Amino acid sequence: MKSGFLCYNLLYYIIKVKRSVFSKISNFQMTKEGLVQAVMQAAGLEVKKQAHQIVDAVFDTIMKTMARGEDVIVTGFGKFRVVKRAARMGVNPRTGEKIQIAASVKPKFSASKVLKEAVK
């Protein structure tokens, strides 16, 4: 419960900080270091190492959960899910020959309505 609440608050403040502070900067990319700074500011932390641990914990939890094949749903942010793609036949665009494309497992993200509205 507490980790889910922390994850939701972290993602909420990331959107809030990005929207308010960086909305006038074109081609801005939020990096992991930027996330750490946003967490420090939002949570009132004075030690950067704590903010790094929080950010790392959130991403590690998402990765480990998805590695088990489970979905991660963050209400108000979106859904991280694992998609299994079946093997199929494809065509090499250079030669035109038919090739077998192997089955694969890919991570996918679907944004929530709240996130889509925040980005508008």
N, C-alpha and C. Protein backbone atom coordinates (compact mmCIF):
# COMPACT_ATOMS: atom_id res chain seq x y z
N MET A 1 0.83 -1.20 0.00
CA MET A 1 0.00 0.00 0.00
C MET A 1 0.87 1.26 0.00
N LYS A 2 1.84 1.29 0.90
CA LYS A 2 2.68 2.47 1.00
C LYS A 2 3.51 2.68 -0.26
N SER A 3 4.05 1.59 -0.85
CA SER A 3 4.87 1.73 -2.06
C SER A 3 4.02 2.18 -3.24
N GLY A 4 2.77 1.70 -3.32
CA GLY A 4 1.87 2.13 -4.40
C GLY A 4 1.54 3.61 -4.26
N PHE A 5 1.30 4.05 -3.04
CA PHE A 5 1.02 5.46 -2.79
C PHE A 5 2.22 6.32 -3.14
N LEU A 6 3.42 5.86 -2.77
CA LEU A 6 4.65 6.58 -3.07
C LEU A 6 4.86 6.68 -4.57
N CYS A 7 4.63 5.58 -5.28
CA CYS A 7 4.78 5.55 -6.74
C CYS A 7 3.81 6.53 -7.39
N TYR A 8 2.56 6.52 -6.94
CA TYR A 8 1.56 7.43 -7.50
C TYR A 8 1.96 8.89 -7.27
N ASN A 9 2.40 9.22 -6.04
CA ASN A 9 2.81 10.59 -5.73
C ASN A 9 4.02 11.00 -6.54
N LEU A 10 4.98 10.10 -6.69
CA LEU A 10 6.17 10.40 -7.48
C LEU A 10 5.78 10.75 -8.92
N LEU A 11 4.96 9.93 -9.53
CA LEU A 11 4.57 10.17 -10.92
C LEU A 11 3.71 11.43 -11.04
N TYR A 12 2.87 11.69 -10.05
CA TYR A 12 2.06 12.91 -10.06
C TYR A 12 2.95 14.16 -10.04
N TYR A 13 3.95 14.17 -9.16
CA TYR A 13 4.83 15.33 -9.06
C TYR A 13 5.74 15.48 -10.28
N ILE A 14 6.11 14.36 -10.90
CA ILE A 14 6.90 14.44 -12.12
C ILE A 14 6.12 15.18 -13.19
N ILE A 15 4.85 14.82 -13.36
CA ILE A 15 4.01 15.50 -14.35
C ILE A 15 3.84 16.96 -13.98
N LYS A 16 3.58 17.23 -12.71
CA LYS A 16 3.35 18.59 -12.25
C LYS A 16 4.59 19.47 -12.47
N VAL A 17 5.77 18.95 -12.08
CA VAL A 17 7.01 19.72 -12.23
C VAL A 17 7.32 19.93 -13.71
N LYS A 18 7.21 18.88 -14.49
CA LYS A 18 7.52 18.99 -15.92
C LYS A 18 6.62 20.01 -16.58
N ARG A 19 5.35 19.99 -16.23
CA ARG A 19 4.38 20.88 -16.86
C ARG A 19 4.59 22.33 -16.45
N SER A 20 4.84 22.57 -15.17
CA SER A 20 4.93 23.96 -14.70
C SER A 20 6.29 24.59 -14.96
N VAL A 21 7.36 23.84 -14.74
CA VAL A 21 8.69 24.42 -14.82
C VAL A 21 9.23 24.40 -16.25
N PHE A 22 8.99 23.31 -16.96
CA PHE A 22 9.64 23.13 -18.24
C PHE A 22 8.72 23.31 -19.44
N SER A 23 7.52 23.81 -19.23
CA SER A 23 6.56 23.90 -20.32
C SER A 23 6.99 24.88 -21.41
N LYS A 24 7.84 25.84 -21.08
CA LYS A 24 8.26 26.84 -22.06
C LYS A 24 9.56 26.46 -22.77
N ILE A 25 10.19 25.37 -22.36
CA ILE A 25 11.44 24.94 -22.98
C ILE A 25 11.09 23.92 -24.06
N SER A 26 11.53 24.18 -25.30
CA SER A 26 11.25 23.21 -26.36
C SER A 26 12.32 22.13 -26.36
N ASN A 27 11.95 20.95 -26.81
CA ASN A 27 12.85 19.80 -26.91
C ASN A 27 13.46 19.39 -25.57
N PHE A 28 12.76 19.63 -24.48
CA PHE A 28 13.26 19.24 -23.17
C PHE A 28 13.03 17.74 -22.96
N GLN A 29 14.04 17.07 -22.40
CA GLN A 29 13.91 15.66 -22.05
C GLN A 29 14.19 15.51 -20.56
N MET A 30 13.28 14.89 -19.86
CA MET A 30 13.48 14.61 -18.44
C MET A 30 14.38 13.39 -18.33
N THR A 31 15.50 13.53 -17.64
CA THR A 31 16.43 12.42 -17.43
C THR A 31 16.21 11.83 -16.04
N LYS A 32 16.90 10.75 -15.75
CA LYS A 32 16.79 10.16 -14.42
C LYS A 32 17.24 11.15 -13.36
N GLU A 33 18.29 11.91 -13.67
CA GLU A 33 18.77 12.93 -12.73
C GLU A 33 17.71 13.99 -12.49
N GLY A 34 16.98 14.35 -13.54
CA GLY A 34 15.88 15.30 -13.39
C GLY A 34 14.77 14.75 -12.51
N LEU A 35 14.51 13.45 -12.65
CA LEU A 35 13.51 12.81 -11.79
C LEU A 35 13.95 12.85 -10.34
N VAL A 36 15.22 12.59 -10.10
CA VAL A 36 15.75 12.62 -8.74
C VAL A 36 15.58 14.02 -8.14
N GLN A 37 15.90 15.03 -8.92
CA GLN A 37 15.73 16.41 -8.45
C GLN A 37 14.26 16.72 -8.14
N ALA A 38 13.36 16.24 -9.01
CA ALA A 38 11.93 16.48 -8.81
C ALA A 38 11.44 15.78 -7.54
N VAL A 39 11.93 14.56 -7.29
CA VAL A 39 11.54 13.83 -6.08
C VAL A 39 12.07 14.54 -4.84
N MET A 40 13.31 15.02 -4.90
CA MET A 40 13.88 15.75 -3.76
C MET A 40 13.01 16.96 -3.42
N GLN A 41 12.64 17.70 -4.44
CA GLN A 41 11.84 18.91 -4.24
C GLN A 41 10.43 18.58 -3.75
N ALA A 42 9.79 17.61 -4.38
CA ALA A 42 8.40 17.28 -4.05
C ALA A 42 8.27 16.65 -2.67
N ALA A 43 9.24 15.81 -2.30
CA ALA A 43 9.16 15.11 -1.01
C ALA A 43 9.84 15.89 0.11
N GLY A 44 10.50 16.99 -0.22
CA GLY A 44 11.17 17.78 0.79
C GLY A 44 12.41 17.10 1.35
N LEU A 45 13.05 16.28 0.51
CA LEU A 45 14.26 15.57 0.95
C LEU A 45 15.47 16.48 0.82
N GLU A 46 16.39 16.33 1.74
CA GLU A 46 17.61 17.13 1.68
C GLU A 46 18.80 16.31 1.23
N VAL A 47 18.65 14.99 1.20
CA VAL A 47 19.73 14.11 0.81
C VAL A 47 19.41 13.51 -0.56
N LYS A 48 20.29 13.76 -1.51
CA LYS A 48 20.07 13.31 -2.89
C LYS A 48 20.06 11.78 -2.97
N LYS A 49 20.84 11.12 -2.12
CA LYS A 49 20.92 9.66 -2.14
C LYS A 49 19.56 9.04 -1.85
N GLN A 50 18.79 9.63 -0.95
CA GLN A 50 17.45 9.13 -0.64
C GLN A 50 16.55 9.22 -1.86
N ALA A 51 16.61 10.33 -2.56
CA ALA A 51 15.79 10.50 -3.75
C ALA A 51 16.19 9.49 -4.82
N HIS A 52 17.50 9.25 -4.97
CA HIS A 52 17.98 8.23 -5.92
C HIS A 52 17.42 6.87 -5.56
N GLN A 53 17.42 6.53 -4.28
CA GLN A 53 16.92 5.24 -3.83
C GLN A 53 15.43 5.09 -4.13
N ILE A 54 14.68 6.17 -3.95
CA ILE A 54 13.25 6.13 -4.24
C ILE A 54 12.99 5.91 -5.72
N VAL A 55 13.68 6.69 -6.57
CA VAL A 55 13.51 6.55 -8.02
C VAL A 55 13.93 5.15 -8.47
N ASP A 56 15.08 4.68 -7.99
CA ASP A 56 15.55 3.34 -8.34
C ASP A 56 14.57 2.26 -7.89
N ALA A 57 14.01 2.42 -6.69
CA ALA A 57 13.06 1.44 -6.17
C ALA A 57 11.81 1.36 -7.03
N VAL A 58 11.32 2.50 -7.48
CA VAL A 58 10.12 2.52 -8.32
C VAL A 58 10.39 1.80 -9.63
N PHE A 59 11.48 2.15 -10.30
CA PHE A 59 11.79 1.52 -11.59
C PHE A 59 12.15 0.05 -11.44
N ASP A 60 12.87 -0.31 -10.38
CA ASP A 60 13.21 -1.72 -10.15
C ASP A 60 11.95 -2.55 -9.91
N THR A 61 11.01 -2.00 -9.16
CA THR A 61 9.76 -2.70 -8.89
C THR A 61 8.97 -2.91 -10.17
N ILE A 62 8.91 -1.89 -11.00
CA ILE A 62 8.20 -2.01 -12.29
C ILE A 62 8.87 -3.08 -13.15
N MET A 63 10.20 -3.04 -13.26
CA MET A 63 10.91 -4.01 -14.10
C MET A 63 10.75 -5.44 -13.58
N LYS A 64 10.89 -5.65 -12.28
CA LYS A 64 10.78 -7.00 -11.72
C LYS A 64 9.37 -7.55 -11.88
N THR A 65 8.38 -6.70 -11.71
CA THR A 65 6.99 -7.14 -11.87
C THR A 65 6.72 -7.52 -13.31
N MET A 66 7.19 -6.71 -14.25
CA MET A 66 6.98 -7.02 -15.67
C MET A 66 7.79 -8.25 -16.09
N ALA A 67 8.96 -8.46 -15.49
CA ALA A 67 9.78 -9.64 -15.81
C ALA A 67 9.04 -10.93 -15.43
N ARG A 68 8.17 -10.85 -14.42
CA ARG A 68 7.35 -12.00 -14.03
C ARG A 68 6.14 -12.15 -14.94
N GLY A 69 5.96 -11.22 -15.89
CA GLY A 69 4.83 -11.28 -16.82
C GLY A 69 3.58 -10.61 -16.30
N GLU A 70 3.71 -9.85 -15.22
CA GLU A 70 2.55 -9.19 -14.62
C GLU A 70 2.46 -7.74 -15.08
N ASP A 71 1.25 -7.20 -15.06
CA ASP A 71 1.02 -5.81 -15.40
C ASP A 71 1.25 -4.92 -14.18
N VAL A 72 1.63 -3.67 -14.44
CA VAL A 72 1.77 -2.67 -13.38
C VAL A 72 0.82 -1.54 -13.72
N ILE A 73 -0.16 -1.33 -12.87
CA ILE A 73 -1.17 -0.29 -13.10
C ILE A 73 -0.99 0.80 -12.07
N VAL A 74 -0.75 2.02 -12.55
CA VAL A 74 -0.61 3.17 -11.67
C VAL A 74 -1.80 4.08 -11.98
N THR A 75 -2.76 4.09 -11.09
CA THR A 75 -3.97 4.86 -11.28
C THR A 75 -3.63 6.33 -11.50
N GLY A 76 -4.20 6.90 -12.55
CA GLY A 76 -3.95 8.29 -12.86
C GLY A 76 -2.70 8.51 -13.70
N PHE A 77 -1.96 7.45 -14.00
CA PHE A 77 -0.75 7.59 -14.81
C PHE A 77 -0.81 6.68 -16.03
N GLY A 78 -0.96 5.38 -15.81
CA GLY A 78 -1.03 4.48 -16.94
C GLY A 78 -0.80 3.04 -16.55
N LYS A 79 -0.67 2.22 -17.58
CA LYS A 79 -0.52 0.78 -17.37
C LYS A 79 0.71 0.29 -18.14
N PHE A 80 1.62 -0.35 -17.42
CA PHE A 80 2.77 -1.02 -18.01
C PHE A 80 2.37 -2.48 -18.16
N ARG A 81 2.52 -3.04 -19.35
CA ARG A 81 2.11 -4.43 -19.54
C ARG A 81 3.11 -5.16 -20.43
N VAL A 82 3.04 -6.48 -20.36
CA VAL A 82 3.89 -7.33 -21.17
C VAL A 82 3.03 -7.92 -22.28
N VAL A 83 3.50 -7.79 -23.52
CA VAL A 83 2.75 -8.27 -24.68
C VAL A 83 3.56 -9.37 -25.35
N LYS A 84 2.92 -10.52 -25.56
CA LYS A 84 3.56 -11.63 -26.26
C LYS A 84 3.16 -11.57 -27.72
N ARG A 85 4.16 -11.53 -28.58
CA ARG A 85 3.92 -11.50 -30.02
C ARG A 85 4.21 -12.89 -30.58
N ALA A 86 3.31 -13.40 -31.36
CA ALA A 86 3.46 -14.73 -31.95
C ALA A 86 4.48 -14.71 -33.08
N ALA A 87 5.04 -15.87 -33.38
CA ALA A 87 5.93 -16.00 -34.54
C ALA A 87 5.10 -15.76 -35.80
N ARG A 88 5.74 -15.18 -36.80
CA ARG A 88 5.00 -14.88 -38.04
C ARG A 88 5.97 -14.81 -39.21
N MET A 89 5.40 -14.80 -40.37
CA MET A 89 6.19 -14.67 -41.59
C MET A 89 6.29 -13.19 -41.94
N GLY A 90 7.45 -12.78 -42.41
CA GLY A 90 7.67 -11.40 -42.83
C GLY A 90 8.40 -11.37 -44.15
N VAL A 91 8.64 -10.17 -44.66
CA VAL A 91 9.33 -10.02 -45.93
C VAL A 91 10.52 -9.08 -45.72
N ASN A 92 11.69 -9.50 -46.18
CA ASN A 92 12.88 -8.67 -46.13
C ASN A 92 12.68 -7.55 -47.14
N PRO A 93 12.66 -6.28 -46.71
CA PRO A 93 12.37 -5.18 -47.64
C PRO A 93 13.43 -4.99 -48.73
N ARG A 94 14.67 -5.40 -48.46
CA ARG A 94 15.73 -5.23 -49.47
C ARG A 94 15.66 -6.28 -50.57
N THR A 95 15.45 -7.54 -50.14
CA THR A 95 15.51 -8.62 -51.13
C THR A 95 14.14 -9.13 -51.55
N GLY A 96 13.14 -8.88 -50.73
CA GLY A 96 11.79 -9.37 -51.03
C GLY A 96 11.57 -10.82 -50.63
N GLU A 97 12.60 -11.45 -50.05
CA GLU A 97 12.44 -12.86 -49.66
C GLU A 97 11.65 -12.97 -48.36
N LYS A 98 10.94 -14.08 -48.24
CA LYS A 98 10.15 -14.32 -47.03
C LYS A 98 11.07 -14.82 -45.93
N ILE A 99 10.84 -14.30 -44.72
CA ILE A 99 11.64 -14.70 -43.56
C ILE A 99 10.71 -15.03 -42.40
N GLN A 100 11.20 -15.88 -41.52
CA GLN A 100 10.45 -16.24 -40.31
C GLN A 100 10.85 -15.28 -39.20
N ILE A 101 9.89 -14.59 -38.61
CA ILE A 101 10.13 -13.69 -37.48
C ILE A 101 9.78 -14.46 -36.21
N ALA A 102 10.72 -14.56 -35.30
CA ALA A 102 10.54 -15.34 -34.07
C ALA A 102 9.53 -14.68 -33.13
N ALA A 103 8.93 -15.51 -32.28
CA ALA A 103 8.04 -15.00 -31.25
C ALA A 103 8.85 -14.14 -30.28
N SER A 104 8.21 -13.14 -29.68
CA SER A 104 8.93 -12.25 -28.77
C SER A 104 8.00 -11.74 -27.67
N VAL A 105 8.61 -11.21 -26.63
CA VAL A 105 7.88 -10.60 -25.52
C VAL A 105 8.36 -9.16 -25.42
N LYS A 106 7.43 -8.21 -25.42
CA LYS A 106 7.78 -6.79 -25.44
C LYS A 106 7.05 -6.04 -24.32
N PRO A 107 7.71 -5.02 -23.75
CA PRO A 107 7.00 -4.15 -22.79
C PRO A 107 6.18 -3.11 -23.54
N LYS A 108 5.02 -2.80 -23.02
CA LYS A 108 4.15 -1.77 -23.59
C LYS A 108 3.66 -0.85 -22.48
N PHE A 109 3.34 0.38 -22.85
CA PHE A 109 2.78 1.34 -21.89
C PHE A 109 1.56 1.98 -22.51
N SER A 110 0.49 2.03 -21.73
CA SER A 110 -0.73 2.72 -22.14
C SER A 110 -0.99 3.86 -21.16
N ALA A 111 -1.06 5.07 -21.68
CA ALA A 111 -1.28 6.24 -20.82
C ALA A 111 -2.74 6.30 -20.37
N SER A 112 -2.93 6.74 -19.13
CA SER A 112 -4.29 6.91 -18.61
C SER A 112 -4.89 8.21 -19.16
N LYS A 113 -6.18 8.36 -18.96
CA LYS A 113 -6.86 9.56 -19.39
C LYS A 113 -6.29 10.81 -18.69
N VAL A 114 -5.97 10.66 -17.40
CA VAL A 114 -5.41 11.78 -16.63
C VAL A 114 -4.07 12.23 -17.23
N LEU A 115 -3.22 11.29 -17.57
CA LEU A 115 -1.92 11.62 -18.16
C LEU A 115 -2.11 12.27 -19.54
N LYS A 116 -3.01 11.73 -20.32
CA LYS A 116 -3.25 12.31 -21.65
C LYS A 116 -3.74 13.74 -21.54
N GLU A 117 -4.59 14.01 -20.58
CA GLU A 117 -5.09 15.37 -20.37
C GLU A 117 -3.97 16.30 -19.88
N ALA A 118 -3.09 15.79 -19.04
CA ALA A 118 -1.99 16.59 -18.49
C ALA A 118 -1.00 16.99 -19.57
N VAL A 119 -0.86 16.15 -20.59
CA VAL A 119 0.13 16.39 -21.63
C VAL A 119 -0.41 17.35 -22.69
N LYS A 120 -1.70 17.47 -22.80
CA LYS A 120 -2.29 18.34 -23.84
C LYS A 120 -1.74 19.73 -23.77
